[in-house]
N, C-alpha and C. Protein backbone atom coordinates (compact mmCIF):
# COMPACT_ATOMS: atom_id res chain seq x y z
N MET A 1 8.57 -29.01 13.00
CA MET A 1 8.37 -28.06 11.96
C MET A 1 8.54 -26.59 12.72
N SER A 2 9.10 -25.66 11.85
CA SER A 2 9.04 -24.20 12.11
C SER A 2 8.16 -23.60 10.47
N GLU A 3 8.28 -22.17 10.95
CA GLU A 3 7.49 -21.73 10.17
C GLU A 3 8.78 -21.21 8.58
N ASP A 4 9.55 -21.76 9.11
CA ASP A 4 10.54 -21.41 8.04
C ASP A 4 11.23 -22.97 7.55
N THR A 5 10.30 -23.93 7.46
CA THR A 5 10.62 -24.86 6.86
C THR A 5 9.43 -25.16 5.56
N PRO A 6 9.72 -25.95 4.81
CA PRO A 6 8.98 -25.97 3.54
C PRO A 6 7.70 -27.18 3.63
N ASP A 7 8.24 -27.89 4.98
CA ASP A 7 7.33 -29.15 5.47
C ASP A 7 6.00 -28.38 5.90
N LEU A 8 6.20 -27.20 6.30
CA LEU A 8 4.68 -26.94 7.06
C LEU A 8 3.67 -26.31 5.68
N TRP A 9 4.35 -25.41 4.63
CA TRP A 9 3.71 -25.37 3.03
C TRP A 9 3.15 -26.59 3.23
N ALA A 10 3.60 -27.65 3.07
CA ALA A 10 3.35 -29.18 2.49
C ALA A 10 2.36 -29.40 2.70
N VAL A 11 2.16 -29.54 4.46
CA VAL A 11 0.86 -30.21 5.09
C VAL A 11 -0.24 -28.98 4.82
N LEU A 12 0.23 -27.67 4.74
CA LEU A 12 -1.21 -26.77 4.44
C LEU A 12 -1.59 -27.04 3.12
N ALA A 13 -0.79 -27.51 2.11
CA ALA A 13 -1.62 -27.64 0.60
C ALA A 13 -2.12 -29.50 1.24
N ASP A 14 -1.72 -30.36 1.71
CA ASP A 14 -2.50 -31.58 2.00
C ASP A 14 -3.80 -31.20 2.99
N GLU A 15 -3.68 -30.06 3.63
CA GLU A 15 -5.08 -29.91 3.99
C GLU A 15 -5.81 -29.34 3.41
N ARG A 16 -5.61 -28.20 2.54
CA ARG A 16 -6.23 -27.43 1.39
C ARG A 16 -6.89 -28.63 0.62
N ARG A 17 -6.32 -29.71 0.12
CA ARG A 17 -6.91 -30.54 -0.64
C ARG A 17 -7.91 -31.30 0.20
N ALA A 18 -7.51 -31.86 1.42
CA ALA A 18 -8.44 -33.00 2.42
C ALA A 18 -9.90 -31.93 2.26
N ILE A 19 -9.65 -30.62 2.35
CA ILE A 19 -11.15 -29.51 2.86
C ILE A 19 -11.87 -29.78 1.17
N ALA A 20 -11.09 -29.68 0.18
CA ALA A 20 -11.50 -29.50 -0.71
C ALA A 20 -12.17 -30.86 -1.13
N ASP A 21 -11.47 -32.09 -0.64
CA ASP A 21 -12.47 -33.27 -1.19
C ASP A 21 -13.53 -33.29 -0.38
N ARG A 22 -13.44 -32.83 0.82
CA ARG A 22 -14.39 -33.15 1.49
C ARG A 22 -16.03 -32.08 0.92
N LEU A 23 -15.53 -30.82 0.85
CA LEU A 23 -16.66 -29.83 0.63
C LEU A 23 -17.18 -30.62 -0.54
N GLY A 24 -16.22 -31.01 -1.39
CA GLY A 24 -17.35 -31.76 -2.92
C GLY A 24 -18.06 -32.68 -2.72
N THR A 25 -18.48 -33.19 -1.45
CA THR A 25 -19.53 -33.91 -0.76
C THR A 25 -20.43 -33.55 -0.12
N LEU A 26 -20.75 -32.06 -0.17
CA LEU A 26 -22.35 -31.51 0.32
C LEU A 26 -22.66 -31.05 -0.11
N THR A 27 -23.85 -31.04 0.22
CA THR A 27 -25.37 -30.78 -0.21
C THR A 27 -25.36 -29.42 -0.45
N ALA A 28 -26.43 -28.77 -1.04
CA ALA A 28 -26.52 -27.29 -1.47
C ALA A 28 -27.08 -26.71 0.00
N GLU A 29 -27.97 -27.72 0.81
CA GLU A 29 -28.46 -27.12 1.91
C GLU A 29 -27.13 -27.03 2.85
N GLN A 30 -26.27 -28.07 2.89
CA GLN A 30 -25.04 -27.92 3.49
C GLN A 30 -24.02 -26.57 3.47
N TRP A 31 -23.95 -26.22 2.10
CA TRP A 31 -23.10 -25.23 1.78
C TRP A 31 -23.83 -23.86 2.32
N ALA A 32 -25.05 -23.62 2.30
CA ALA A 32 -25.91 -22.77 2.79
C ALA A 32 -25.94 -22.57 4.49
N THR A 33 -25.30 -23.70 4.97
CA THR A 33 -25.54 -23.54 6.59
C THR A 33 -24.46 -22.81 7.31
N PRO A 34 -24.94 -21.86 8.01
CA PRO A 34 -24.20 -20.70 8.98
C PRO A 34 -23.15 -21.47 9.67
N SER A 35 -21.51 -20.83 9.37
CA SER A 35 -20.26 -21.66 10.01
C SER A 35 -20.29 -21.16 11.14
N LEU A 36 -19.67 -21.57 12.20
CA LEU A 36 -19.32 -20.97 13.45
C LEU A 36 -18.90 -19.80 13.51
N CYS A 37 -18.41 -18.92 12.25
CA CYS A 37 -18.65 -17.54 12.37
C CYS A 37 -19.87 -17.23 11.73
N SER A 38 -20.57 -16.67 12.39
CA SER A 38 -22.35 -16.57 12.34
C SER A 38 -22.43 -15.81 11.28
N ALA A 39 -21.76 -14.87 10.92
CA ALA A 39 -21.88 -13.71 9.50
C ALA A 39 -21.92 -14.46 8.51
N TRP A 40 -20.97 -15.64 7.96
CA TRP A 40 -20.71 -16.52 6.82
C TRP A 40 -20.65 -17.95 6.92
N THR A 41 -21.82 -18.27 5.99
CA THR A 41 -22.32 -19.69 5.61
C THR A 41 -20.61 -20.56 5.15
N VAL A 42 -21.23 -22.03 5.25
CA VAL A 42 -20.24 -22.55 5.07
C VAL A 42 -19.82 -22.39 3.69
N ARG A 43 -20.59 -22.04 2.75
CA ARG A 43 -19.99 -21.48 1.52
C ARG A 43 -18.83 -20.36 1.27
N GLU A 44 -19.55 -19.03 2.30
CA GLU A 44 -18.35 -18.11 2.56
C GLU A 44 -17.25 -18.42 3.22
N MET A 45 -17.56 -19.25 3.94
CA MET A 45 -15.99 -19.59 4.57
C MET A 45 -15.30 -20.36 3.53
N ALA A 46 -15.62 -21.27 2.99
CA ALA A 46 -14.84 -22.00 1.81
C ALA A 46 -14.08 -21.27 1.27
N THR A 47 -14.88 -20.14 0.72
CA THR A 47 -14.39 -19.22 -0.29
C THR A 47 -13.31 -18.61 0.48
N HIS A 48 -13.44 -18.01 1.67
CA HIS A 48 -12.15 -17.14 2.53
C HIS A 48 -11.38 -18.19 2.43
N LEU A 49 -11.15 -19.50 2.60
CA LEU A 49 -9.96 -20.41 2.42
C LEU A 49 -9.49 -20.16 0.86
N LEU A 50 -10.28 -20.12 0.18
CA LEU A 50 -9.55 -19.86 -1.25
C LEU A 50 -8.91 -18.28 -1.58
N VAL A 51 -9.36 -17.69 -0.95
CA VAL A 51 -8.92 -16.36 -0.90
C VAL A 51 -6.98 -16.33 -0.52
N SER A 52 -7.01 -16.96 0.60
CA SER A 52 -5.66 -17.09 0.93
C SER A 52 -4.68 -18.07 0.26
N CYS A 53 -5.72 -18.74 -0.97
CA CYS A 53 -4.68 -19.23 -1.77
C CYS A 53 -4.14 -18.26 -3.21
N GLU A 54 -5.14 -17.58 -3.51
CA GLU A 54 -4.98 -16.99 -4.88
C GLU A 54 -5.09 -15.17 -4.65
N PHE A 55 -5.51 -14.78 -3.48
CA PHE A 55 -5.22 -12.82 -3.51
C PHE A 55 -4.29 -12.23 -4.02
N THR A 56 -4.17 -11.65 -4.54
CA THR A 56 -2.81 -10.76 -5.26
C THR A 56 -2.73 -9.31 -4.59
N LEU A 57 -1.31 -8.72 -4.62
CA LEU A 57 -1.37 -7.95 -3.71
C LEU A 57 -2.15 -6.45 -3.97
N ARG A 58 -2.50 -6.50 -5.40
CA ARG A 58 -3.17 -5.62 -6.46
C ARG A 58 -4.62 -5.47 -5.79
N GLU A 59 -5.36 -6.91 -5.86
CA GLU A 59 -6.66 -7.08 -4.97
C GLU A 59 -6.82 -6.07 -3.67
N ALA A 60 -5.74 -7.11 -3.06
CA ALA A 60 -5.72 -7.08 -1.68
C ALA A 60 -5.84 -5.30 -1.18
N ALA A 61 -5.11 -4.60 -1.94
CA ALA A 61 -5.06 -3.26 -1.74
C ALA A 61 -6.29 -2.28 -2.12
N ALA A 62 -6.56 -2.63 -2.91
CA ALA A 62 -8.13 -2.34 -3.73
C ALA A 62 -9.27 -2.57 -2.76
N ALA A 63 -9.35 -3.77 -2.33
CA ALA A 63 -9.99 -4.16 -1.31
C ALA A 63 -9.88 -3.52 0.21
N LEU A 64 -8.62 -3.19 0.67
CA LEU A 64 -8.63 -2.50 1.88
C LEU A 64 -9.29 -0.99 1.39
N LEU A 65 -9.21 -0.57 0.44
CA LEU A 65 -9.28 1.31 -0.11
C LEU A 65 -11.17 0.86 0.27
N ARG A 66 -11.72 -0.03 -0.32
CA ARG A 66 -12.95 -0.24 -0.13
C ARG A 66 -13.40 -0.36 1.46
N ALA A 67 -12.88 -1.23 1.97
CA ALA A 67 -12.98 -1.75 3.42
C ALA A 67 -12.58 -0.31 4.27
N ARG A 68 -12.17 0.82 3.59
CA ARG A 68 -11.92 1.61 4.36
C ARG A 68 -10.50 1.89 5.63
N GLY A 69 -9.74 0.50 5.62
CA GLY A 69 -8.52 0.32 6.11
C GLY A 69 -8.94 -1.00 7.31
N ASP A 70 -10.24 -1.20 7.40
CA ASP A 70 -10.96 -2.03 8.50
C ASP A 70 -10.22 -3.43 8.08
N VAL A 71 -9.74 -4.29 8.69
CA VAL A 71 -8.78 -5.42 8.18
C VAL A 71 -10.14 -6.65 7.99
N ASP A 72 -10.86 -6.46 9.28
CA ASP A 72 -11.99 -7.56 9.14
C ASP A 72 -13.01 -7.33 7.90
N ARG A 73 -13.34 -6.04 7.66
CA ARG A 73 -13.85 -5.77 6.75
C ARG A 73 -13.25 -6.36 5.34
N LEU A 74 -11.93 -6.11 5.32
CA LEU A 74 -11.33 -6.59 4.33
C LEU A 74 -11.65 -7.81 3.88
N GLN A 75 -11.93 -9.00 4.60
CA GLN A 75 -11.72 -10.04 4.53
C GLN A 75 -13.40 -10.40 3.41
N VAL A 76 -14.41 -9.70 4.26
CA VAL A 76 -15.56 -9.71 3.51
C VAL A 76 -15.77 -9.20 2.14
N VAL A 77 -14.66 -8.09 1.56
CA VAL A 77 -14.84 -7.57 0.46
C VAL A 77 -14.30 -8.35 -0.43
N LEU A 78 -13.14 -9.18 0.06
CA LEU A 78 -12.13 -10.47 -0.59
C LEU A 78 -13.28 -11.64 -1.14
N VAL A 79 -14.05 -11.89 -0.06
CA VAL A 79 -15.25 -12.74 -0.07
C VAL A 79 -16.12 -12.65 -1.15
N GLY A 80 -16.39 -11.30 -0.86
CA GLY A 80 -17.54 -10.84 -2.11
C GLY A 80 -17.12 -10.81 -3.30
N ASN A 81 -15.84 -10.56 -3.60
CA ASN A 81 -15.53 -10.77 -4.81
C ASN A 81 -15.50 -11.83 -5.46
N ARG A 82 -15.96 -12.83 -4.98
CA ARG A 82 -15.98 -14.24 -5.73
C ARG A 82 -17.10 -14.54 -5.34
N SER A 83 -18.21 -13.90 -5.13
CA SER A 83 -19.78 -14.35 -4.78
C SER A 83 -20.13 -15.00 -5.83
N ARG A 84 -19.73 -14.93 -6.93
CA ARG A 84 -20.64 -15.68 -8.44
C ARG A 84 -19.95 -16.77 -8.37
N LEU A 85 -19.15 -17.22 -7.78
CA LEU A 85 -18.35 -18.56 -8.02
C LEU A 85 -19.58 -19.44 -7.64
N SER A 86 -19.41 -20.68 -8.11
CA SER A 86 -20.49 -21.94 -7.81
C SER A 86 -19.66 -22.61 -6.85
N SER A 87 -20.25 -23.35 -6.04
CA SER A 87 -19.73 -24.20 -5.42
C SER A 87 -18.54 -25.46 -5.82
N GLU A 88 -18.87 -25.66 -7.05
CA GLU A 88 -18.00 -26.69 -7.26
C GLU A 88 -16.76 -26.04 -8.12
N GLN A 89 -16.94 -24.63 -8.25
CA GLN A 89 -15.95 -23.83 -8.58
C GLN A 89 -15.17 -23.56 -7.58
N VAL A 90 -15.21 -23.23 -6.27
CA VAL A 90 -14.74 -22.90 -4.96
C VAL A 90 -14.23 -24.32 -4.85
N VAL A 91 -14.68 -25.20 -5.08
CA VAL A 91 -13.62 -26.35 -4.52
C VAL A 91 -12.64 -26.47 -5.62
N ALA A 92 -12.79 -26.61 -6.89
CA ALA A 92 -12.21 -27.06 -7.94
C ALA A 92 -10.89 -25.84 -7.69
N ARG A 93 -10.75 -24.62 -7.54
CA ARG A 93 -9.95 -23.69 -7.29
C ARG A 93 -8.97 -23.74 -5.97
N LEU A 94 -9.87 -24.27 -4.98
CA LEU A 94 -9.41 -24.90 -3.71
C LEU A 94 -8.11 -25.70 -3.84
N ARG A 95 -8.69 -26.93 -4.78
CA ARG A 95 -7.81 -27.74 -5.18
C ARG A 95 -6.58 -27.34 -5.73
N GLU A 96 -6.75 -26.57 -6.97
CA GLU A 96 -5.73 -26.25 -7.59
C GLU A 96 -4.75 -25.40 -7.51
N LYS A 97 -4.85 -24.83 -6.31
CA LYS A 97 -4.18 -23.71 -6.03
C LYS A 97 -3.69 -24.18 -4.34
N ALA A 98 -3.72 -25.07 -4.02
CA ALA A 98 -3.63 -25.58 -2.70
C ALA A 98 -2.17 -25.48 -2.29
N ASP A 99 -1.08 -25.65 -3.75
CA ASP A 99 0.00 -25.33 -3.37
C ASP A 99 0.75 -23.72 -3.20
N ALA A 100 -0.44 -23.14 -2.90
CA ALA A 100 -0.15 -21.67 -2.96
C ALA A 100 1.24 -21.29 -2.03
N ARG A 101 1.58 -20.28 -1.93
CA ARG A 101 2.75 -19.78 -0.87
C ARG A 101 2.35 -18.51 -0.73
N LYS A 102 1.31 -18.02 -0.05
CA LYS A 102 0.73 -16.65 0.05
C LYS A 102 0.91 -16.47 1.59
N ALA A 103 1.68 -15.19 2.16
CA ALA A 103 1.39 -15.18 3.63
C ALA A 103 1.50 -13.76 3.72
N PRO A 104 0.84 -13.53 4.62
CA PRO A 104 0.88 -11.61 5.24
C PRO A 104 1.92 -11.59 6.00
N PRO A 105 2.43 -10.35 6.04
CA PRO A 105 3.87 -10.20 6.78
C PRO A 105 3.47 -10.31 8.74
N VAL A 106 4.70 -10.04 9.13
CA VAL A 106 4.71 -10.57 10.77
C VAL A 106 4.72 -12.24 10.81
N VAL A 107 3.36 -12.56 10.50
CA VAL A 107 2.96 -14.08 10.86
C VAL A 107 3.06 -15.46 9.89
N GLY A 108 3.80 -15.00 8.86
CA GLY A 108 4.46 -15.67 7.91
C GLY A 108 3.12 -16.78 7.49
N VAL A 109 3.91 -18.05 7.12
CA VAL A 109 2.67 -19.14 7.05
C VAL A 109 2.48 -19.56 7.54
N LEU A 110 2.38 -19.27 9.20
CA LEU A 110 1.71 -19.84 10.21
C LEU A 110 0.16 -19.13 10.19
N GLY A 111 0.42 -17.99 9.70
CA GLY A 111 -1.05 -17.33 9.50
C GLY A 111 -1.97 -18.39 8.47
N PRO A 112 -1.75 -18.19 7.16
CA PRO A 112 -3.00 -19.13 6.74
C PRO A 112 -2.65 -20.76 7.09
N TYR A 113 -1.87 -21.35 7.82
CA TYR A 113 -1.72 -22.64 8.02
C TYR A 113 -2.63 -22.75 9.42
N THR A 114 -2.47 -21.93 10.80
CA THR A 114 -3.80 -22.00 11.41
C THR A 114 -5.16 -21.96 10.86
N ASP A 115 -4.90 -20.67 10.18
CA ASP A 115 -6.17 -20.33 9.76
C ASP A 115 -7.56 -21.44 8.85
N THR A 116 -6.27 -22.27 8.31
CA THR A 116 -7.01 -23.53 7.35
C THR A 116 -7.39 -24.58 8.61
N LEU A 117 -6.47 -24.67 9.59
CA LEU A 117 -7.01 -25.63 10.64
C LEU A 117 -8.18 -25.51 11.31
N VAL A 118 -8.19 -24.04 11.53
CA VAL A 118 -9.46 -23.66 12.28
C VAL A 118 -10.70 -23.37 11.25
N HIS A 119 -10.58 -22.91 10.27
CA HIS A 119 -11.43 -22.53 9.73
C HIS A 119 -12.28 -23.74 8.84
N GLN A 120 -11.86 -24.77 9.16
CA GLN A 120 -12.66 -26.21 8.35
C GLN A 120 -13.37 -26.82 9.98
N LEU A 121 -12.58 -26.22 10.80
CA LEU A 121 -13.85 -26.63 11.82
C LEU A 121 -14.83 -25.75 12.13
N ASP A 122 -14.77 -24.42 11.51
CA ASP A 122 -15.51 -23.71 11.41
C ASP A 122 -16.73 -24.01 10.65
N ILE A 123 -16.47 -24.73 9.88
CA ILE A 123 -17.17 -25.79 8.69
C ILE A 123 -18.01 -27.21 9.20
N TRP A 124 -17.03 -27.63 9.66
CA TRP A 124 -17.27 -28.97 9.99
C TRP A 124 -18.24 -29.28 11.24
N ILE A 125 -18.13 -28.08 11.87
CA ILE A 125 -18.77 -28.55 13.58
C ILE A 125 -20.10 -28.02 13.40
N PRO A 126 -20.21 -27.19 12.76
CA PRO A 126 -22.15 -26.78 12.74
C PRO A 126 -22.92 -27.65 11.74
N LEU A 127 -22.01 -28.73 10.76
CA LEU A 127 -22.49 -29.66 9.98
C LEU A 127 -22.75 -30.82 10.72
N GLY A 128 -21.92 -30.93 11.87
CA GLY A 128 -22.32 -32.49 12.40
C GLY A 128 -21.12 -33.42 11.99
N LEU A 129 -20.01 -32.72 11.26
CA LEU A 129 -18.93 -33.85 11.06
C LEU A 129 -17.47 -33.62 11.87
N ASP A 130 -17.11 -34.72 11.86
CA ASP A 130 -15.79 -34.95 12.93
C ASP A 130 -14.34 -34.45 12.16
N ASP A 131 -13.65 -33.89 12.87
CA ASP A 131 -12.30 -33.49 12.64
C ASP A 131 -11.41 -34.57 12.52
N ASP A 132 -10.99 -35.17 11.39
CA ASP A 132 -10.52 -36.32 11.30
C ASP A 132 -9.15 -36.27 10.91
N ARG A 133 -8.46 -34.80 11.14
CA ARG A 133 -7.36 -34.69 10.77
C ARG A 133 -6.23 -35.30 11.78
N PRO A 134 -4.97 -35.64 10.96
CA PRO A 134 -4.19 -35.89 12.24
C PRO A 134 -3.76 -34.64 13.22
N VAL A 135 -3.90 -35.17 14.53
CA VAL A 135 -3.43 -34.29 15.97
C VAL A 135 -2.29 -33.81 15.83
N GLU A 136 -1.34 -34.14 15.31
CA GLU A 136 0.10 -33.69 15.43
C GLU A 136 0.44 -32.25 14.73
N ARG A 137 -0.55 -32.27 13.72
CA ARG A 137 -0.65 -30.87 13.00
C ARG A 137 -1.19 -29.42 13.38
N TRP A 138 -1.94 -30.20 14.65
CA TRP A 138 -2.09 -28.62 15.52
C TRP A 138 -1.18 -28.17 16.57
N ARG A 139 0.29 -28.93 16.25
CA ARG A 139 1.08 -28.27 17.33
C ARG A 139 1.40 -27.09 16.86
N PRO A 140 2.00 -26.67 15.89
CA PRO A 140 2.64 -25.35 15.13
C PRO A 140 1.53 -24.41 15.47
N ALA A 141 0.41 -24.71 15.16
CA ALA A 141 -0.67 -23.91 15.52
C ALA A 141 -0.77 -23.04 16.92
N LEU A 142 -0.80 -24.52 17.47
CA LEU A 142 -0.78 -23.90 19.06
C LEU A 142 0.38 -23.14 19.75
N ASP A 143 1.57 -23.70 19.04
CA ASP A 143 2.61 -22.97 19.41
C ASP A 143 2.48 -21.20 18.80
N PHE A 144 1.84 -21.25 17.70
CA PHE A 144 1.51 -19.83 17.31
C PHE A 144 0.69 -19.22 18.16
N LEU A 145 -0.48 -19.75 18.58
CA LEU A 145 -1.48 -19.10 19.12
C LEU A 145 -1.28 -18.39 20.49
N VAL A 146 -0.21 -19.04 21.02
CA VAL A 146 0.28 -18.43 22.50
C VAL A 146 1.63 -17.67 22.21
N SER A 147 1.92 -17.23 21.21
CA SER A 147 2.94 -16.81 20.89
C SER A 147 2.73 -14.90 20.92
N LYS A 148 3.32 -14.01 20.83
CA LYS A 148 2.96 -12.48 20.77
C LYS A 148 2.34 -12.11 19.43
N LYS A 149 3.01 -13.37 18.31
CA LYS A 149 2.85 -12.50 16.83
C LYS A 149 0.94 -13.08 16.71
N ALA A 150 0.65 -13.84 17.27
CA ALA A 150 -0.85 -14.28 17.33
C ALA A 150 -2.04 -12.77 17.55
N THR A 151 -1.45 -11.94 18.17
CA THR A 151 -1.87 -10.43 18.35
C THR A 151 -2.16 -9.76 16.84
N VAL A 152 -1.41 -10.24 15.89
CA VAL A 152 -1.48 -9.30 14.72
C VAL A 152 -2.62 -10.12 14.01
N GLY A 153 -3.95 -9.72 14.01
CA GLY A 153 -4.67 -10.42 13.24
C GLY A 153 -5.21 -11.55 13.69
N PHE A 154 -5.01 -12.18 14.89
CA PHE A 154 -5.57 -13.48 15.17
C PHE A 154 -6.33 -13.24 16.52
N LEU A 155 -5.59 -12.72 17.73
CA LEU A 155 -6.05 -12.81 19.11
C LEU A 155 -6.53 -11.15 19.36
N PRO A 156 -7.74 -11.34 20.26
CA PRO A 156 -7.99 -9.62 20.68
C PRO A 156 -6.98 -9.49 21.53
N GLY A 157 -6.02 -10.07 21.99
CA GLY A 157 -4.91 -9.79 23.06
C GLY A 157 -4.21 -10.96 23.49
N PRO A 158 -2.94 -10.56 23.96
CA PRO A 158 -2.59 -12.02 24.53
C PRO A 158 -3.24 -13.21 25.20
N ALA A 159 -2.54 -14.29 24.64
CA ALA A 159 -3.49 -15.41 25.47
C ALA A 159 -3.10 -15.24 26.57
N PRO A 160 -4.31 -15.23 27.63
CA PRO A 160 -4.00 -15.49 29.22
C PRO A 160 -2.82 -16.43 29.66
N GLU A 161 -2.49 -16.08 30.89
CA GLU A 161 -1.27 -16.48 31.52
C GLU A 161 -1.64 -18.24 32.12
N LEU A 162 -1.78 -18.98 31.35
CA LEU A 162 -2.18 -20.06 32.25
C LEU A 162 -1.11 -21.13 31.78
N TRP A 163 -1.61 -22.54 31.93
CA TRP A 163 -0.59 -23.98 31.68
C TRP A 163 -1.52 -24.49 30.90
N TYR A 164 -1.29 -24.43 29.37
CA TYR A 164 -2.24 -24.93 28.63
C TYR A 164 -1.50 -26.46 28.50
N GLN A 165 -2.87 -27.83 28.34
CA GLN A 165 -1.92 -28.69 28.25
C GLN A 165 -3.04 -29.62 27.40
N ALA A 166 -2.33 -30.10 26.32
CA ALA A 166 -3.45 -30.83 25.40
C ALA A 166 -3.78 -32.18 25.56
N THR A 167 -4.77 -32.88 25.49
CA THR A 167 -4.54 -34.08 25.96
C THR A 167 -4.70 -35.23 25.21
N ASP A 168 -4.48 -34.93 24.08
CA ASP A 168 -4.37 -35.73 22.57
C ASP A 168 -3.06 -35.86 21.98
N LEU A 169 -2.08 -34.51 22.71
CA LEU A 169 -0.69 -34.48 22.07
C LEU A 169 0.03 -34.08 23.31
N GLU A 170 1.37 -34.36 22.89
CA GLU A 170 2.28 -34.18 23.88
C GLU A 170 2.83 -32.39 23.54
N TRP A 171 1.75 -31.71 24.44
CA TRP A 171 2.38 -30.02 24.14
C TRP A 171 1.85 -29.53 25.28
N GLN A 172 2.64 -28.84 25.79
CA GLN A 172 1.93 -27.94 26.71
C GLN A 172 2.97 -26.37 26.65
N HIS A 173 2.02 -25.44 27.42
CA HIS A 173 3.05 -24.49 27.07
C HIS A 173 2.35 -23.30 28.46
N GLY A 174 3.18 -22.60 28.95
CA GLY A 174 2.55 -21.12 29.98
C GLY A 174 3.09 -21.85 31.43
N VAL A 175 2.52 -20.83 31.77
CA VAL A 175 2.41 -20.71 33.69
C VAL A 175 0.77 -20.45 34.49
N GLY A 176 0.86 -20.99 35.85
CA GLY A 176 -0.49 -20.78 36.36
C GLY A 176 -1.36 -21.61 36.49
N ASP A 177 -2.55 -21.54 36.79
CA ASP A 177 -3.07 -22.37 36.43
C ASP A 177 -3.86 -23.45 35.31
N VAL A 178 -3.81 -24.65 35.41
CA VAL A 178 -3.81 -25.44 34.34
C VAL A 178 -5.16 -25.44 33.70
N VAL A 179 -5.29 -25.59 32.32
CA VAL A 179 -6.49 -25.46 31.23
C VAL A 179 -5.95 -26.64 30.52
N SER A 180 -6.83 -27.45 30.40
CA SER A 180 -6.43 -28.83 29.53
C SER A 180 -7.83 -29.26 28.47
N GLY A 181 -7.44 -29.40 27.18
CA GLY A 181 -8.62 -30.15 26.69
C GLY A 181 -7.89 -30.55 25.40
N THR A 182 -8.56 -30.97 24.28
CA THR A 182 -7.73 -31.99 23.20
C THR A 182 -6.90 -30.23 22.23
N ALA A 183 -6.17 -30.44 21.46
CA ALA A 183 -5.39 -29.64 20.70
C ALA A 183 -6.37 -28.87 19.94
N SER A 184 -7.33 -28.87 19.08
CA SER A 184 -8.41 -28.49 18.39
C SER A 184 -9.40 -27.80 19.77
N ASP A 185 -9.54 -28.04 20.67
CA ASP A 185 -10.45 -27.44 21.56
C ASP A 185 -9.86 -26.00 22.39
N LEU A 186 -8.50 -26.49 22.28
CA LEU A 186 -7.57 -25.44 23.14
C LEU A 186 -7.64 -24.32 21.84
N ALA A 187 -7.43 -24.45 20.49
CA ALA A 187 -7.26 -23.60 19.41
C ALA A 187 -8.77 -22.95 19.52
N LEU A 188 -9.81 -23.64 19.12
CA LEU A 188 -10.91 -22.80 19.26
C LEU A 188 -11.32 -22.06 20.38
N ALA A 189 -10.78 -22.14 21.57
CA ALA A 189 -11.18 -21.37 22.59
C ALA A 189 -10.71 -20.14 22.46
N LEU A 190 -8.98 -19.98 22.12
CA LEU A 190 -8.15 -18.96 22.06
C LEU A 190 -8.87 -17.99 21.00
N LEU A 191 -9.23 -18.61 20.00
CA LEU A 191 -9.65 -17.77 18.97
C LEU A 191 -11.29 -17.42 18.74
N GLY A 192 -11.66 -17.89 20.43
CA GLY A 192 -12.92 -17.09 20.33
C GLY A 192 -14.13 -17.85 20.04
N ARG A 193 -14.27 -19.22 19.70
CA ARG A 193 -15.18 -20.35 19.47
C ARG A 193 -15.90 -20.51 20.53
N THR A 194 -16.93 -20.46 20.56
CA THR A 194 -17.60 -20.89 22.28
C THR A 194 -17.97 -22.72 22.10
N PRO A 195 -18.52 -23.55 20.97
CA PRO A 195 -18.96 -24.33 21.20
C PRO A 195 -18.44 -25.72 21.86
N ARG A 196 -17.32 -25.43 21.88
CA ARG A 196 -16.59 -26.82 22.85
C ARG A 196 -16.35 -26.27 24.08
N LEU A 197 -16.53 -24.91 25.02
CA LEU A 197 -15.95 -24.55 25.48
C LEU A 197 -15.98 -25.14 27.17
N ASP A 198 -17.32 -26.10 27.03
CA ASP A 198 -17.74 -27.22 28.30
C ASP A 198 -16.93 -28.34 28.45
N ARG A 199 -16.06 -28.40 27.30
CA ARG A 199 -15.02 -29.50 27.14
C ARG A 199 -13.76 -29.47 28.01
N LEU A 200 -13.39 -27.98 28.02
CA LEU A 200 -11.93 -27.47 28.75
C LEU A 200 -12.38 -28.09 30.24
N GLU A 201 -11.12 -28.29 30.81
CA GLU A 201 -11.06 -28.65 32.19
C GLU A 201 -9.76 -28.19 32.86
N GLY A 202 -9.98 -28.05 34.26
CA GLY A 202 -8.73 -27.17 35.05
C GLY A 202 -9.47 -26.03 35.63
N PRO A 203 -8.46 -25.62 36.74
CA PRO A 203 -8.71 -24.79 37.39
C PRO A 203 -8.79 -23.14 36.13
N GLY A 204 -7.46 -23.56 35.62
CA GLY A 204 -7.61 -22.51 34.36
C GLY A 204 -8.73 -22.06 33.48
N ALA A 205 -9.70 -23.71 33.16
CA ALA A 205 -10.72 -23.27 32.55
C ALA A 205 -11.65 -22.12 32.19
N ASP A 206 -11.96 -21.82 33.27
CA ASP A 206 -12.71 -20.33 33.63
C ASP A 206 -12.27 -19.25 32.80
N ALA A 207 -11.04 -19.04 33.02
CA ALA A 207 -10.06 -18.08 32.88
C ALA A 207 -10.20 -18.20 31.09
N LEU A 208 -9.91 -19.46 30.59
CA LEU A 208 -10.03 -19.10 28.89
C LEU A 208 -11.08 -19.04 28.45
N ARG A 209 -12.46 -19.34 29.34
CA ARG A 209 -13.72 -19.54 28.47
C ARG A 209 -14.25 -17.92 28.69
N ALA A 210 -13.78 -17.13 29.94
CA ALA A 210 -13.98 -15.67 30.13
C ALA A 210 -13.31 -14.75 28.83
N PHE A 211 -12.06 -15.44 28.31
CA PHE A 211 -11.30 -14.52 27.24
C PHE A 211 -11.73 -14.96 25.84
N ALA A 212 -12.45 -16.52 25.90
CA ALA A 212 -13.26 -16.90 24.51
C ALA A 212 -14.53 -15.67 24.35
N HIS A 213 -15.22 -15.33 25.55
CA HIS A 213 -16.39 -14.61 25.06
C HIS A 213 -16.06 -13.25 25.13
N ARG A 214 -14.47 -12.63 24.88
CA ARG A 214 -14.38 -11.42 24.70
C ARG A 214 -15.05 -10.89 23.66
């Protein structure tokens, strides 16, 4: 799959529906649990996933103004705009708008696609829930995260020059010291998530751990 094919959009829609189905089973206590992004609860992270389905250019422009041009603050404003939605409404709208094809410039569909794969782990890991999605779906996200495009709104800088090797997927990339782990663990580390850094292996593991802690 490439970002130019409709298949990636179809997979993204399927992931959104699966997330909505699982969110619909959570208790009120689980909705209030901090996500891996500690500033946001599970509910706020779920709402962030909804934002990527339904934001408008007018809303984004107004929110950017309120955020004083700060892209990170922009997301906080967009989520805050939906703070009155109930958990049930977030689930229903995420399912209803799963087929939305909204993508930012430069990164295209790979932006919301990668966001969706990773942010659901931001939700499931703190809740102690397994990631049961097809591992092959991580391939386009990994290709994206080790590319220059990922430095636009995703990574703090280019990924470390290492030989990345997924242990659950036929995927490898790069040069230099080897760092290996599951596809999702590599993605989490590249995006600065720290809970599974101890699962990385190889002579390049410490360099990727250091990058994750930036």
